[in-house]
Amino acid sequence: MKALDEDAAPSLEAIREARATLGDRVRTTPVWSWRGAAIEDRTEAGTEVVLKLELFQYAGTFKPRGALINMLALSPEALSRGVTAVSAGNHGIAVAFAAQELGCSAKVVMTSSASPARVATCHEYGAEVILADDVHQAFDTVRRIEEDEGRAFIHPFEGLGAALGTATVGLELCEQVPDLEAVIIPVGGGGLCGGVATAVKRILPNCKVYGVEPEGADSMHRSFAAGEPQAIESVETIADSLGAPYAAPYSFSLCRRFVDELVLVTDDQLVDAMRLLFSDAKLVAEPAAAAATAALCGPLRERLAGRKVALIICGSNIDPVTFNQLVSQREPTH
């Protein structure tokens, strides 16, 4: 893997090269045509829905794609010093997985509120886990580890490497469903959305791209409104995987260039979508993975009537107890 040019948006050639570089280290995840009365009742007549099932990826989410691209770009000497990461869980799991795959060590910083199941999964992949009180302290801690131990910091969403990795999701999707008219992508820090949107617009320039954030973690909405990356003081959503404390310049720029519109969903809408995915598609989706479904069945329902729409089901690392608590304790809102 050659050094990355951090100044450029990913070209289609670079995205294809990234997918070839990843090879069988990641899965080409399937797409699934969602049909039947349940989804037809939640969408307008004639809407065709396709799921890109990235929850079937190694380590349970799309995250290994970007982690591996960034780590494969490191020199052998840098890899030998190990890597470090900060995460609510999914990125930490992915970095631990990638480190195991490439034979190096990983030290992951997570918040004390992180799911014990996600912490345990990081340990299972061989990573050392350090807990911090909140996301801001977590980022401070990971910076100290980077400086003190010489470990390479693998960012959860920012930079060309992350974008190239997530763009391979969009590349696969467009090859699997070449007549798409719209794609809905969850937004946390913007790495997934920026990368997928770049690939989709490079291949299908007339396809509409929508990003979806939870109301309690709307840093990209605020950034779009301000015209530059913004931070939020706290994350207040059940979708902790989308709870980035700030937007960053590179992923923000990709989203501004390639995303047509952002929408917001509530936690109740996320839970409704989790229920629907479970009952009808037989998928156990964490809240973040249900965000695209929530947007289609909510704020984008009428706008996407009669369109062929792909939903990015970004991953699912959720334990049975938490899943049951979320879907059973909140009343349906539809």
Foldseek 3Di string as FASTA:
>chain_A
DEADDFPDADALVLLVVLCVVCPVVKDLFDKDWFDDDLVPVLFFPQETEIERPQCPIVLFFLQLLLLLLVVVNDDPVQQQLAAEEEALASNLLSNLQNNLVVVGAYEYEHEPPRDPLSVVSSVVSPYHYHYDPARVVSVVVRVCCCVPRVHHYRYRADTNSLLSRLLNSLVSVCVNPVQAQEEEAEAALQRNLLNNLVNCCNRPVRRAYEYEYEPQAPQLVVCVVVVHKDFDPFGDEQPRRSRDRIHDHHSSVSCVVRHPYYDYDYNLLLLLQQVSCCPRVVDRARSSLSRQVSCCSPVCRVVSHSGHYYYYSGGHDDDPVVSCCSNPVDDHDD
